[in-house]
Amino acid sequence: MKKRWKMMQAVSVLSAVMIACGSFTAAAGEATMTRIIEDVQPRTAQSAVVGTTQTIRVLAHEDAKVSVTIGGTTVKLSATREYADEDSRWFEGEYTVPSSADGANLGSITATATLDGKSQTRVGGSFTAVTMDMLDVGDTEQGVVSGDMLTISGAKSFSGKQVTVTAEYADVFIPVESDRDEEYAAPYYYQLPEGTIDYVVSGPDTNDIYLLASGRKVSAAKVKVSASSGSQGENQITSIGLSADSQCTYLDFGEKWNVPFNIEVEDVNYASSVTNTVSSFNPKKIKIVFDYTTGIVNGAISIPRNSCFSAAKVSTRTSAEGVPQCVLELTLKESAYYGAYASYSGKGKLQLKFYNPVSSLDGARIVIDSGHGSYTNGKFDPGAAGVNGTQEYEENYRKALALKAELESRGAEVYMLDTYGTNLGDLYARVAAAIDWEPMVYVAVHHNSSPTNSSARGVEVYYNNPWSVYLAKNVCNNIFSAYKTMDYSSGAVNRGHKFSEFAVTRVKQFSAILIEYGFITTTTENAILTDAKNIQKFAEATADGLEAYFAGEK
C-alpha cells in the first residue's frame, strides 16, 4: 500500500525519517547517482536463536534486482506490495540461522541491488547466533514452560466472522458497559495497525461500529470483512528481536498471524475511576499484550546498550473476555515515553518503533499544526473571529512560524504542516501527515474565543494520552509565566492543562497537545496576543515548556 509521502514538504520524508534514525548515510561518489537502495532491515546488531527464521527487508527501486548475503549465505528476496513512494518498494526474504552457528557472529547483512546495469551495495545490521540454553529463562511469570516456549494450556478457542484493518491505524473504542463510558477512542488503548485481524461478535451497529471478540470496538470504515467464518488458530510469538540505533529502538516479532495487541504504559494514575484525567504519570515499564496468543518464546532478549529499555521478561494471562494473552514486559531505562509506531509488514511480521529519550530540544522531532486556515471540501475554515477584525487562523499562523524558528534555533527538527490556505482542513488528514513524518511531539496552535463572555481570559493546554500530560502542564505554565511579563497583563489567568477528546490529540504514536494561547474575543487579551513584540515571547515560552518536558520536569 502506498503511503501519503506526497503530503510532505521540501524533501522526501522517507529520507528524512531514515536520516533521523541513523539508517541512511550516503556513500562517497553517490551524490549524482540514482539511489537504488534506500534501507536495509534489521539496521543494527541483534541476537538470533539458532534454527529460527529471521526476516530481512530491503527498500529499493521497484525495478531493481535485489539480493542479500549473510554468513556466506545468499538470501532470495521477493518484491512486496508495500511501497514507500512512487518508485521504491520493500523486498523481503527469510534467513534461517544455522544450527551449527552456536555463539558465532554471522557478520553483517549485505544488500546488493542492480538497476539499468548499475549496482549499489548497502550494509545493514548483523546477527549473533545463540541457543536457548545460552539464554536466561528466569524472567517469566505464569504459564507453563514447554521446550523453548512459555505456553497457556486449555485456552478458549475462537472462530467466526473476521475483519482486517485496512486503514494505516484504526482507533480502538471500549464497550460502554465495561469501562469509563468511552465516547471517543480510549486514550489507553493502542490503535490497531493496518493488517490486524480480529473476530466479530456483532455489528456493524447503527453507528457503523463492530464489537470484536478481543473486547474492542472499531469503526467499520477502518476495516473490511476478510472471512465470513473459520479460525486463524492459536497464535504464538516465535521470535523477538530488539535492536537500536542512536535515536530509535526497534522490536521485531515473528508470530503465526496478525493478532490485535495493546501497549500498556505503567504507572498511570487517574483523578477518579470514571475520568481519563491523569493525576500522575511515571513511566517505568511498558507491556506489549498479544491477544489470541497461547505461547511466547521463552528466553532473555539481547538488549543493546543504546536501547530505551534495560530489561525484559515474558508472561501469560487471560482477558476478561476469555482471550488468551502473552505479554512482553520491558523496563524503561529512563522515565520517558513518547509513544510508539507499529506496522505489520506481512503475515505475522510486526515491528514496533520507539524513540530513545532526549534531554533537550536538540535532536527532538516536532510537528507544528497551525490551526484552521485550510479548506475542507471547498469550504474555508478561518477559526474564531476576534475583536478589532482579528482572525484566529492568521494569529495561529504567526505564532506557529515564530515557534518553528525558535525550536529550530535550539536544535529541534521541525515539520510544520502545510495548513495555511491549502486543502489540509480535515483533522484526520493532518494527523495522518504527522504520523508519516514520525515525530516525538505534535503541537497544535490555537486561540480561544467566547462570544458570550467578553471578559474571558487565560491560557489552557489540552492533552489526551497519558504520556502527554506533563507536556501540556509545562507548556501551559511557561506561557502563563510569559504572560505576566507583558504589558496589560494584569488579570492574566492560567486555566491549566486539561484532558480532551480533540482529534489531533487522540494519537498513540507520539505526545500531542493543543494550545489555546488566550481569548481573541476579549479586548485586553486580544491586545496582548496580537502585539508584534509579544510573538517571540510566546514562542520562547512554548519552547521552554517543550524543553522542560524533554528534560523530565513534572
Protein backbone atom coordinates (compact mmCIF):
# COMPACT_ATOMS: atom_id res chain seq x y z
CA MET A 1 0.00 0.00 0.00
CA LYS A 2 1.37 3.40 -0.93
CA LYS A 3 1.76 5.82 1.97
CA ARG A 4 0.99 9.53 1.99
CA TRP A 5 4.54 10.74 1.35
CA LYS A 6 3.30 13.31 -1.20
CA MET A 7 1.82 15.37 1.61
CA MET A 8 5.25 16.25 2.97
CA GLN A 9 7.20 19.44 2.29
CA ALA A 10 10.60 20.25 0.83
CA VAL A 11 12.46 16.92 0.98
CA SER A 12 11.50 13.28 0.77
CA VAL A 13 10.04 12.44 4.13
CA LEU A 14 11.21 8.87 3.82
CA SER A 15 14.80 10.07 3.56
CA ALA A 16 14.24 12.45 6.46
CA VAL A 17 12.98 9.64 8.68
CA MET A 18 15.86 7.38 7.70
CA ILE A 19 18.44 10.05 8.38
CA ALA A 20 16.83 10.81 11.75
CA CYS A 21 17.02 7.19 12.80
CA GLY A 22 20.55 6.59 11.55
CA SER A 23 19.54 4.18 8.80
CA PHE A 24 20.96 6.03 5.81
CA THR A 25 24.31 7.57 5.08
CA ALA A 26 25.19 8.49 1.50
CA ALA A 27 28.40 6.90 0.32
CA ALA A 28 31.11 8.98 -1.32
CA GLY A 29 30.61 9.24 -5.05
CA GLU A 30 26.86 8.59 -4.94
CA ALA A 31 25.75 12.21 -4.94
CA THR A 32 24.98 12.21 -8.68
CA MET A 33 23.88 8.59 -8.94
CA THR A 34 20.28 7.48 -8.66
CA ARG A 35 19.88 5.85 -5.29
CA ILE A 36 18.85 2.23 -5.81
CA ILE A 37 18.86 1.05 -2.17
CA GLU A 38 17.18 3.20 0.49
CA ASP A 39 17.24 0.99 3.60
CA VAL A 40 18.21 -2.42 4.97
CA GLN A 41 16.46 -4.04 7.96
CA PRO A 42 17.44 -5.11 10.58
CA ARG A 43 19.55 -1.99 10.88
CA THR A 44 21.69 -2.91 13.89
CA ALA A 45 23.28 -5.91 15.61
CA GLN A 46 20.99 -8.38 17.38
CA SER A 47 20.91 -11.92 18.73
CA ALA A 48 19.04 -14.71 16.93
CA VAL A 49 18.29 -18.20 18.22
CA VAL A 50 19.72 -20.99 16.07
CA GLY A 51 17.11 -22.67 13.92
CA THR A 52 14.79 -19.63 13.92
CA THR A 53 13.77 -17.78 10.80
CA GLN A 54 14.64 -14.10 10.58
CA THR A 55 13.04 -11.68 8.12
CA ILE A 56 15.38 -9.45 6.13
CA ARG A 57 13.97 -6.44 4.31
CA VAL A 58 15.47 -4.09 1.73
CA LEU A 59 13.87 -0.89 0.46
CA ALA A 60 14.96 -0.42 -3.13
CA HIS A 61 13.84 0.87 -6.52
CA GLU A 62 10.81 -1.10 -7.66
CA ASP A 63 12.54 -2.30 -10.86
CA ALA A 64 15.78 -3.37 -9.20
CA LYS A 65 17.04 -6.91 -8.77
CA VAL A 66 17.83 -7.31 -5.08
CA SER A 67 19.67 -9.91 -3.04
CA VAL A 68 21.40 -10.12 0.34
CA THR A 69 24.18 -12.21 1.79
CA ILE A 70 24.84 -13.06 5.43
CA GLY A 71 27.27 -15.54 6.89
CA GLY A 72 28.17 -16.74 3.41
CA THR A 73 24.55 -17.48 2.57
CA THR A 74 22.63 -15.76 -0.20
CA VAL A 75 19.03 -14.97 0.68
CA LYS A 76 16.45 -14.68 -2.05
CA LEU A 77 14.25 -11.60 -1.78
CA SER A 78 10.84 -11.07 -3.32
CA ALA A 79 9.12 -7.76 -4.01
CA THR A 80 6.21 -6.98 -1.72
CA ARG A 81 3.20 -4.78 -2.39
CA GLU A 82 4.40 -2.29 0.21
CA TYR A 83 5.59 0.93 -1.40
CA ALA A 84 7.34 3.81 0.37
CA ASP A 85 6.92 6.25 -2.53
CA GLU A 86 6.16 6.03 -6.22
CA ASP A 87 9.45 4.36 -7.15
CA SER A 88 10.59 2.40 -4.08
CA ARG A 89 9.15 -0.75 -2.60
CA TRP A 90 10.15 -3.27 0.06
CA PHE A 91 11.79 -6.58 -0.85
CA GLU A 92 11.65 -9.41 1.71
CA GLY A 93 13.37 -12.71 2.33
CA GLU A 94 13.79 -15.20 5.16
CA TYR A 95 17.07 -16.36 6.65
CA THR A 96 17.29 -19.43 8.87
CA VAL A 97 20.03 -19.22 11.49
CA PRO A 98 22.10 -22.41 11.02
CA SER A 99 22.17 -24.87 13.93
CA SER A 100 25.94 -25.14 13.56
CA ALA A 101 26.47 -21.46 14.32
CA ASP A 102 26.27 -21.57 18.15
CA GLY A 103 27.72 -18.35 19.53
CA ALA A 104 29.04 -17.23 16.16
CA ASN A 105 28.82 -13.71 14.81
CA LEU A 106 27.37 -14.30 11.37
CA GLY A 107 28.51 -10.95 10.03
CA SER A 108 26.62 -8.06 8.54
CA ILE A 109 23.68 -8.16 6.18
CA THR A 110 24.99 -7.02 2.81
CA ALA A 111 22.34 -5.99 0.29
CA THR A 112 23.05 -5.58 -3.41
CA ALA A 113 20.65 -4.09 -5.96
CA THR A 114 21.10 -3.79 -9.72
CA LEU A 115 19.21 -1.37 -11.96
CA ASP A 116 19.91 -0.43 -15.58
CA GLY A 117 23.34 -2.00 -15.44
CA LYS A 118 24.36 -0.16 -12.27
CA SER A 119 24.79 -1.80 -8.86
CA GLN A 120 24.76 -0.49 -5.33
CA THR A 121 25.62 -2.23 -2.08
CA ARG A 122 24.47 -1.24 1.38
CA VAL A 123 25.26 -2.85 4.71
CA GLY A 124 22.63 -3.39 7.42
CA GLY A 125 22.75 -4.98 10.85
CA SER A 126 24.21 -8.30 11.91
CA PHE A 127 23.18 -11.47 13.73
CA THR A 128 24.92 -13.31 16.54
CA ALA A 129 23.68 -16.88 16.81
CA VAL A 130 22.64 -18.12 20.27
CA THR A 131 21.00 -21.27 21.60
CA MET A 132 18.16 -21.40 24.08
CA ASP A 133 20.43 -22.88 26.76
CA MET A 134 22.60 -19.76 26.44
CA LEU A 135 19.62 -17.60 27.44
CA ASP A 136 18.37 -16.68 30.88
CA VAL A 137 14.88 -18.15 31.23
CA GLY A 138 14.35 -16.92 34.77
CA ASP A 139 12.35 -13.79 33.96
CA THR A 140 8.99 -15.44 33.27
CA GLU A 141 5.67 -15.35 35.03
CA GLN A 142 2.73 -17.78 34.99
CA GLY A 143 2.22 -20.15 32.08
CA VAL A 144 3.93 -23.47 31.51
CA VAL A 145 7.44 -23.78 30.13
CA SER A 146 7.32 -26.18 27.18
CA GLY A 147 10.63 -26.51 25.39
CA ASP A 148 11.56 -23.08 24.09
CA MET A 149 8.13 -21.58 24.77
CA LEU A 150 6.08 -20.26 27.68
CA THR A 151 2.58 -21.52 26.96
CA ILE A 152 -1.06 -21.45 28.08
CA SER A 153 -2.90 -24.78 28.05
CA GLY A 154 -6.64 -25.30 27.67
CA ALA A 155 -7.23 -21.83 26.21
CA LYS A 156 -10.61 -20.84 24.81
CA SER A 157 -10.88 -21.24 21.03
CA PHE A 158 -12.17 -18.52 18.73
CA SER A 159 -13.71 -18.68 15.27
CA GLY A 160 -16.28 -16.95 13.10
CA LYS A 161 -16.55 -13.82 11.01
CA GLN A 162 -13.28 -11.87 10.81
CA VAL A 163 -12.31 -8.32 9.87
CA THR A 164 -8.93 -6.97 8.81
CA VAL A 165 -7.80 -3.39 9.43
CA THR A 166 -7.43 -1.50 6.14
CA ALA A 167 -6.53 1.96 7.48
CA GLU A 168 -2.96 2.83 8.48
CA TYR A 169 -4.27 2.74 12.06
CA ALA A 170 -7.75 2.03 13.44
CA ASP A 171 -8.89 3.71 16.65
CA VAL A 172 -10.00 1.40 19.46
CA PHE A 173 -13.18 2.07 21.41
CA ILE A 174 -14.28 0.37 24.63
CA PRO A 175 -17.80 -1.03 25.17
CA VAL A 176 -19.61 1.47 27.41
CA GLU A 177 -20.77 -1.18 29.83
CA SER A 178 -17.24 -2.22 30.75
CA ASP A 179 -15.02 0.83 31.08
CA ARG A 180 -15.16 4.59 31.62
CA ASP A 181 -18.14 5.23 29.31
CA GLU A 182 -15.80 5.86 26.38
CA GLU A 183 -17.43 8.05 23.74
CA TYR A 184 -14.22 8.51 21.76
CA ALA A 185 -11.20 6.30 21.21
CA ALA A 186 -9.79 5.12 24.54
CA PRO A 187 -6.60 7.03 25.43
CA TYR A 188 -5.01 3.92 26.96
CA TYR A 189 -5.66 1.53 24.04
CA TYR A 190 -3.13 1.46 21.22
CA GLN A 191 -4.57 1.78 17.73
CA LEU A 192 -4.64 -1.35 15.55
CA PRO A 193 -2.19 -1.08 12.63
CA GLU A 194 -3.07 -1.99 9.08
CA GLY A 195 -3.33 -5.75 8.56
CA THR A 196 -4.52 -6.59 12.10
CA ILE A 197 -7.17 -9.37 12.18
CA ASP A 198 -9.92 -9.81 14.79
CA TYR A 199 -13.12 -11.81 15.24
CA VAL A 200 -16.54 -10.14 15.07
CA VAL A 201 -19.05 -10.52 17.89
CA SER A 202 -21.65 -8.17 16.40
CA GLY A 203 -22.11 -5.25 14.05
CA PRO A 204 -21.79 -3.00 12.35
CA ASP A 205 -24.38 -1.25 14.52
CA THR A 206 -26.34 1.92 13.80
CA ASN A 207 -23.16 3.92 14.45
CA ASP A 208 -21.24 1.74 11.96
CA ILE A 209 -19.20 0.12 14.74
CA TYR A 210 -18.08 -3.51 15.10
CA LEU A 211 -17.81 -5.19 18.50
CA LEU A 212 -14.85 -7.59 18.41
CA ALA A 213 -14.09 -10.74 20.38
CA SER A 214 -10.99 -9.08 21.87
CA GLY A 215 -13.27 -6.64 23.70
CA ARG A 216 -12.56 -3.74 21.35
CA LYS A 217 -14.83 -1.69 19.14
CA VAL A 218 -13.67 -0.35 15.76
CA SER A 219 -15.24 1.72 13.02
CA ALA A 220 -16.47 -0.28 10.01
CA ALA A 221 -14.85 2.38 7.83
CA LYS A 222 -11.40 1.28 9.05
CA VAL A 223 -11.78 -2.48 8.39
CA LYS A 224 -13.04 -4.95 5.82
CA VAL A 225 -14.64 -8.36 6.26
CA SER A 226 -11.85 -10.79 5.39
CA ALA A 227 -13.57 -14.08 6.30
CA SER A 228 -17.23 -14.98 6.87
CA SER A 229 -16.27 -17.90 9.10
CA GLY A 230 -13.35 -20.06 10.20
CA SER A 231 -10.44 -19.66 12.59
CA GLN A 232 -6.91 -18.28 12.47
CA GLY A 233 -5.95 -20.79 15.17
CA GLU A 234 -3.90 -20.16 18.27
CA ASN A 235 -1.16 -17.60 17.83
CA GLN A 236 2.40 -17.96 19.10
CA ILE A 237 5.19 -15.38 19.32
CA THR A 238 8.03 -17.43 17.87
CA SER A 239 10.74 -14.77 17.77
CA ILE A 240 11.53 -11.44 19.41
CA GLY A 241 14.31 -9.22 18.11
CA LEU A 242 15.38 -5.96 19.70
CA SER A 243 17.75 -3.52 18.02
CA ALA A 244 18.64 0.14 18.41
CA ASP A 245 20.47 2.99 16.78
CA SER A 246 21.36 6.45 18.03
CA GLN A 247 17.74 7.69 18.05
CA CYS A 248 15.39 4.73 17.89
CA THR A 249 14.73 1.31 19.40
CA TYR A 250 13.05 -1.39 17.30
CA LEU A 251 11.18 -4.52 18.30
CA ASP A 252 10.57 -7.20 15.68
CA PHE A 253 8.13 -10.04 16.36
CA GLY A 254 7.57 -13.25 14.46
CA GLU A 255 4.12 -14.77 15.01
CA LYS A 256 1.62 -17.00 13.24
CA TRP A 257 -0.90 -14.31 12.33
CA ASN A 258 -1.57 -10.61 12.74
CA VAL A 259 -3.26 -10.58 16.12
CA PRO A 260 -4.54 -7.43 17.84
CA PHE A 261 -2.26 -6.15 20.58
CA ASN A 262 -2.06 -3.35 23.10
CA ILE A 263 0.80 -1.31 24.55
CA GLU A 264 0.20 -0.69 28.24
CA VAL A 265 2.31 2.01 29.88
CA GLU A 266 2.89 1.92 33.65
CA ASP A 267 2.49 3.76 36.00
CA VAL A 268 -0.56 5.95 35.30
CA ASN A 269 -2.85 7.35 37.98
CA TYR A 270 -6.22 8.88 37.14
CA ALA A 271 -8.12 11.56 39.04
CA SER A 272 -11.03 9.12 39.53
CA SER A 273 -12.32 5.79 38.27
CA VAL A 274 -14.72 7.49 35.88
CA THR A 275 -12.46 10.05 34.24
CA ASN A 276 -9.48 9.96 31.92
CA THR A 277 -7.89 12.99 33.57
CA VAL A 278 -4.35 11.94 34.55
CA SER A 279 -3.27 12.89 38.06
CA SER A 280 0.26 11.49 37.67
CA PHE A 281 2.34 9.65 35.11
CA ASN A 282 5.64 7.97 35.94
CA PRO A 283 6.58 5.62 33.09
CA LYS A 284 8.63 2.71 34.40
CA LYS A 285 7.74 -0.09 32.03
CA ILE A 286 5.60 -0.99 29.07
CA LYS A 287 3.71 -4.21 28.43
CA ILE A 288 3.01 -5.40 24.91
CA VAL A 289 -0.03 -7.66 25.19
CA PHE A 290 -0.85 -10.03 22.32
CA ASP A 291 -4.41 -11.39 22.07
CA TYR A 292 -5.39 -14.92 20.96
CA THR A 293 -1.82 -15.93 21.81
CA THR A 294 -1.03 -19.14 23.71
CA GLY A 295 2.76 -19.19 23.51
CA ILE A 296 5.72 -16.83 23.55
CA VAL A 297 9.40 -17.60 23.04
CA ASN A 298 10.89 -18.13 26.47
CA GLY A 299 14.28 -16.51 26.84
CA ALA A 300 16.11 -13.32 27.64
CA ILE A 301 16.37 -10.71 24.92
CA SER A 302 19.68 -9.21 23.97
CA ILE A 303 19.26 -5.50 24.73
CA PRO A 304 21.66 -3.08 23.03
CA ARG A 305 23.34 -0.51 25.24
CA ASN A 306 21.75 2.41 23.35
CA SER A 307 18.21 1.00 23.62
CA CYS A 308 15.48 2.79 25.58
CA PHE A 309 14.91 -0.47 27.53
CA SER A 310 17.01 -2.07 30.25
CA ALA A 311 15.29 -5.40 30.96
CA ALA A 312 12.63 -7.75 29.58
CA LYS A 313 10.51 -10.70 30.67
CA VAL A 314 7.55 -12.66 29.34
CA SER A 315 4.32 -13.81 30.97
CA THR A 316 0.84 -15.08 30.16
CA ARG A 317 -2.65 -14.11 31.23
CA THR A 318 -6.32 -14.30 30.18
CA SER A 319 -8.52 -11.26 29.48
CA ALA A 320 -11.99 -10.64 30.91
CA GLU A 321 -13.38 -11.85 27.57
CA GLY A 322 -11.54 -15.17 27.97
CA VAL A 323 -8.92 -14.27 25.37
CA PRO A 324 -5.52 -15.94 26.00
CA GLN A 325 -2.76 -13.33 26.07
CA CYS A 326 1.01 -13.41 26.06
CA VAL A 327 2.88 -10.41 27.42
CA LEU A 328 6.33 -8.95 26.81
CA GLU A 329 7.20 -6.58 29.67
CA LEU A 330 10.01 -4.10 29.05
CA THR A 331 11.58 -1.92 31.71
CA LEU A 332 12.31 1.62 30.55
CA LYS A 333 15.90 2.75 31.05
CA GLU A 334 14.68 6.27 31.84
CA SER A 335 11.31 7.58 32.96
CA ALA A 336 10.43 8.79 29.46
CA TYR A 337 7.93 7.53 26.89
CA TYR A 338 6.76 9.44 23.79
CA GLY A 339 4.57 6.80 22.10
CA ALA A 340 5.25 4.09 19.53
CA TYR A 341 4.91 3.37 15.82
CA ALA A 342 3.68 -0.05 14.66
CA SER A 343 3.37 -1.88 11.36
CA TYR A 344 2.54 -5.35 10.12
CA SER A 345 4.78 -5.80 7.09
CA GLY A 346 3.30 -9.19 6.21
CA LYS A 347 1.72 -12.21 7.82
CA GLY A 348 2.97 -12.46 11.39
CA LYS A 349 5.68 -9.82 10.96
CA LEU A 350 5.23 -6.95 13.39
CA GLN A 351 7.65 -4.10 14.06
CA LEU A 352 7.36 -1.53 16.83
CA LYS A 353 9.50 1.60 16.90
CA PHE A 354 10.22 3.78 19.93
CA TYR A 355 12.24 6.97 20.16
CA ASN A 356 15.05 6.87 22.68
CA PRO A 357 14.83 9.58 25.37
CA VAL A 358 16.31 13.02 24.77
CA SER A 359 17.02 15.56 27.49
CA SER A 360 16.61 18.78 25.48
CA LEU A 361 15.23 20.10 22.21
CA ASP A 362 18.47 19.23 20.45
CA GLY A 363 17.52 16.37 18.13
CA ALA A 364 13.84 16.29 19.15
CA ARG A 365 11.37 15.75 16.27
CA ILE A 366 8.35 18.05 16.49
CA VAL A 367 5.33 18.68 14.27
CA ILE A 368 3.55 22.05 14.42
CA ASP A 369 -0.07 22.32 13.31
CA SER A 370 -1.19 25.90 12.70
CA GLY A 371 -4.88 25.55 13.50
CA HIS A 372 -7.64 26.29 10.96
CA GLY A 373 -6.75 28.27 7.80
CA SER A 374 -7.47 25.44 5.35
CA TYR A 375 -10.20 24.21 3.05
CA THR A 376 -12.32 21.10 3.56
CA ASN A 377 -14.42 20.07 0.56
CA GLY A 378 -14.01 23.57 -0.82
CA LYS A 379 -15.10 25.34 2.37
CA PHE A 380 -12.59 27.61 4.11
CA ASP A 381 -12.18 27.39 7.89
CA PRO A 382 -10.99 30.70 9.40
CA GLY A 383 -11.45 29.60 13.01
CA ALA A 384 -12.80 32.13 15.52
CA ALA A 385 -13.33 35.84 14.85
CA GLY A 386 -11.98 38.19 17.50
CA VAL A 387 -12.30 41.88 18.29
CA ASN A 388 -10.76 44.52 16.01
CA GLY A 389 -11.07 42.23 12.97
CA THR A 390 -8.74 39.57 14.36
CA GLN A 391 -8.95 36.19 12.57
CA GLU A 392 -7.83 33.16 14.53
CA TYR A 393 -6.16 31.36 11.64
CA GLU A 394 -3.90 34.35 10.99
CA GLU A 395 -2.82 34.59 14.64
CA ASN A 396 -2.28 30.84 14.75
CA TYR A 397 0.00 31.06 11.73
CA ARG A 398 2.05 33.93 13.15
CA LYS A 399 2.69 32.08 16.40
CA ALA A 400 3.36 28.79 14.62
CA LEU A 401 6.02 30.37 12.37
CA ALA A 402 7.70 32.00 15.35
CA LEU A 403 7.62 28.74 17.30
CA LYS A 404 9.13 26.82 14.39
CA ALA A 405 12.03 29.26 14.16
CA GLU A 406 12.60 29.19 17.93
CA LEU A 407 12.60 25.39 18.12
CA GLU A 408 14.98 25.08 15.18
CA SER A 409 17.33 27.58 16.79
CA ARG A 410 17.54 25.17 19.74
CA GLY A 411 18.40 22.17 17.58
CA ALA A 412 14.96 20.60 17.07
CA GLU A 413 13.87 19.02 13.78
CA VAL A 414 10.56 20.67 12.94
CA TYR A 415 7.90 19.85 10.35
CA MET A 416 5.19 22.50 10.07
CA LEU A 417 2.05 21.12 8.45
CA ASP A 418 1.13 22.95 5.27
CA THR A 419 -2.23 24.24 6.52
CA TYR A 420 -2.25 27.91 5.51
CA GLY A 421 -4.65 28.35 2.58
CA THR A 422 -4.36 24.70 1.49
CA ASN A 423 -6.76 21.75 1.36
CA LEU A 424 -5.43 20.18 4.55
CA GLY A 425 -8.50 21.13 6.55
CA ASP A 426 -9.52 17.64 7.59
CA LEU A 427 -8.19 16.99 11.10
CA TYR A 428 -7.53 13.32 10.46
CA ALA A 429 -5.55 14.17 7.33
CA ARG A 430 -3.39 16.45 9.47
CA VAL A 431 -2.78 13.67 11.97
CA ALA A 432 -2.02 11.22 9.15
CA ALA A 433 0.56 13.60 7.67
CA ALA A 434 2.18 13.91 11.09
CA ILE A 435 2.24 10.14 11.62
CA ASP A 436 4.01 9.65 8.30
CA TRP A 437 6.76 12.08 9.39
CA GLU A 438 7.09 10.18 12.70
CA PRO A 439 7.56 12.93 15.30
CA MET A 440 8.06 12.64 19.04
CA VAL A 441 5.68 15.53 19.72
CA TYR A 442 2.76 17.25 17.97
CA VAL A 443 1.81 20.83 18.85
CA ALA A 444 -1.47 22.32 17.60
CA VAL A 445 -1.53 26.13 17.80
CA HIS A 446 -4.90 27.80 18.50
CA HIS A 447 -6.57 30.81 20.11
CA ASN A 448 -9.69 30.76 22.24
CA SER A 449 -12.98 32.64 21.89
CA SER A 450 -16.07 33.28 23.96
CA PRO A 451 -18.78 35.25 22.12
CA THR A 452 -20.95 35.34 25.27
CA ASN A 453 -18.25 36.42 27.74
CA SER A 454 -16.26 39.47 26.64
CA SER A 455 -14.04 39.28 29.74
CA ALA A 456 -12.92 35.65 29.43
CA ARG A 457 -9.15 35.28 29.77
CA GLY A 458 -6.44 32.68 30.11
CA VAL A 459 -4.14 30.17 28.53
CA GLU A 460 -5.03 26.46 28.54
CA VAL A 461 -3.41 23.40 27.00
CA TYR A 462 -5.14 20.11 26.18
CA TYR A 463 -3.84 16.52 26.09
CA ASN A 464 -5.39 13.07 25.64
CA ASN A 465 -2.93 10.20 26.06
CA PRO A 466 -1.26 9.89 29.49
CA TRP A 467 2.29 10.48 28.24
CA SER A 468 1.29 13.98 27.09
CA VAL A 469 0.10 15.22 30.49
CA TYR A 470 3.40 16.81 31.57
CA LEU A 471 3.97 18.22 28.10
CA ALA A 472 0.66 20.06 28.44
CA LYS A 473 1.43 21.15 32.00
CA ASN A 474 4.91 22.50 31.26
CA VAL A 475 3.84 24.38 28.14
CA CYS A 476 0.81 25.89 29.87
CA ASN A 477 2.77 27.05 32.91
CA ASN A 478 5.55 28.59 30.84
CA ILE A 479 3.14 30.50 28.63
CA PHE A 480 1.38 31.82 31.74
CA SER A 481 4.72 32.95 33.17
CA ALA A 482 5.43 34.81 29.93
CA TYR A 483 2.03 36.50 30.10
CA LYS A 484 2.95 38.07 33.42
CA THR A 485 5.91 39.87 31.81
CA MET A 486 3.82 41.55 29.10
CA ASP A 487 2.03 44.90 29.02
CA TYR A 488 -1.66 44.83 30.02
CA SER A 489 -1.04 41.51 31.75
CA SER A 490 -2.97 42.44 34.89
CA GLY A 491 -5.61 39.79 35.30
CA ALA A 492 -3.70 37.09 33.37
CA VAL A 493 -5.19 33.65 34.02
CA ASN A 494 -3.73 30.14 33.97
CA ARG A 495 -6.68 27.92 33.02
CA GLY A 496 -4.44 24.85 33.32
CA HIS A 497 -3.77 21.66 31.40
CA LYS A 498 -6.83 19.56 30.67
CA PHE A 499 -7.87 16.20 29.27
CA SER A 500 -9.52 16.50 25.86
CA GLU A 501 -11.08 14.47 23.07
CA PHE A 502 -9.71 16.60 20.24
CA ALA A 503 -8.96 14.63 17.08
CA VAL A 504 -5.40 15.94 16.93
CA THR A 505 -4.61 14.82 20.49
CA ARG A 506 -6.08 11.29 20.39
CA VAL A 507 -2.99 9.72 18.80
CA LYS A 508 -0.91 6.93 20.36
CA GLN A 509 2.21 7.26 18.19
CA PHE A 510 3.51 10.44 19.81
CA SER A 511 2.85 13.00 22.53
CA ALA A 512 0.33 15.63 21.44
CA ILE A 513 -1.10 18.87 22.79
CA LEU A 514 -3.45 21.60 21.62
CA ILE A 515 -2.62 25.11 22.90
CA GLU A 516 -5.23 27.83 23.36
CA TYR A 517 -2.97 30.85 23.85
CA GLY A 518 -5.76 33.13 25.01
CA PHE A 519 -9.07 34.79 24.08
CA ILE A 520 -9.09 36.91 20.93
CA THR A 521 -12.68 37.90 21.76
CA THR A 522 -11.58 39.75 24.92
CA THR A 523 -10.24 43.24 24.17
CA THR A 524 -7.43 43.27 26.75
CA GLU A 525 -6.19 39.78 25.93
CA ASN A 526 -6.53 40.34 22.21
CA ALA A 527 -4.19 43.33 22.52
CA ILE A 528 -1.57 41.14 24.21
CA LEU A 529 -1.96 38.29 21.75
CA THR A 530 -1.71 40.42 18.62
CA ASP A 531 1.07 42.74 19.80
CA ALA A 532 4.01 42.06 17.46
CA LYS A 533 6.59 42.39 20.24
CA ASN A 534 4.94 39.54 22.17
CA ILE A 535 5.05 36.94 19.38
CA GLN A 536 8.65 35.99 20.13
CA LYS A 537 7.92 35.87 23.86
CA PHE A 538 5.14 33.35 23.25
CA ALA A 539 7.45 31.29 21.02
CA GLU A 540 10.20 31.24 23.63
CA ALA A 541 7.76 30.33 26.42
CA THR A 542 6.28 27.47 24.39
CA ALA A 543 9.77 26.20 23.52
CA ASP A 544 10.72 26.44 27.21
CA GLY A 545 7.76 24.22 28.05
CA LEU A 546 8.80 21.67 25.45
CA GLU A 547 12.37 21.79 26.72
CA ALA A 548 11.16 21.18 30.27
CA TYR A 549 9.11 18.19 29.08
CA PHE A 550 12.09 16.54 27.40
CA ALA A 551 14.18 17.28 30.50
CA GLY A 552 11.69 15.24 32.54
CA GLU A 553 10.11 18.05 34.55
CA LYS A 554 6.73 17.24 36.10
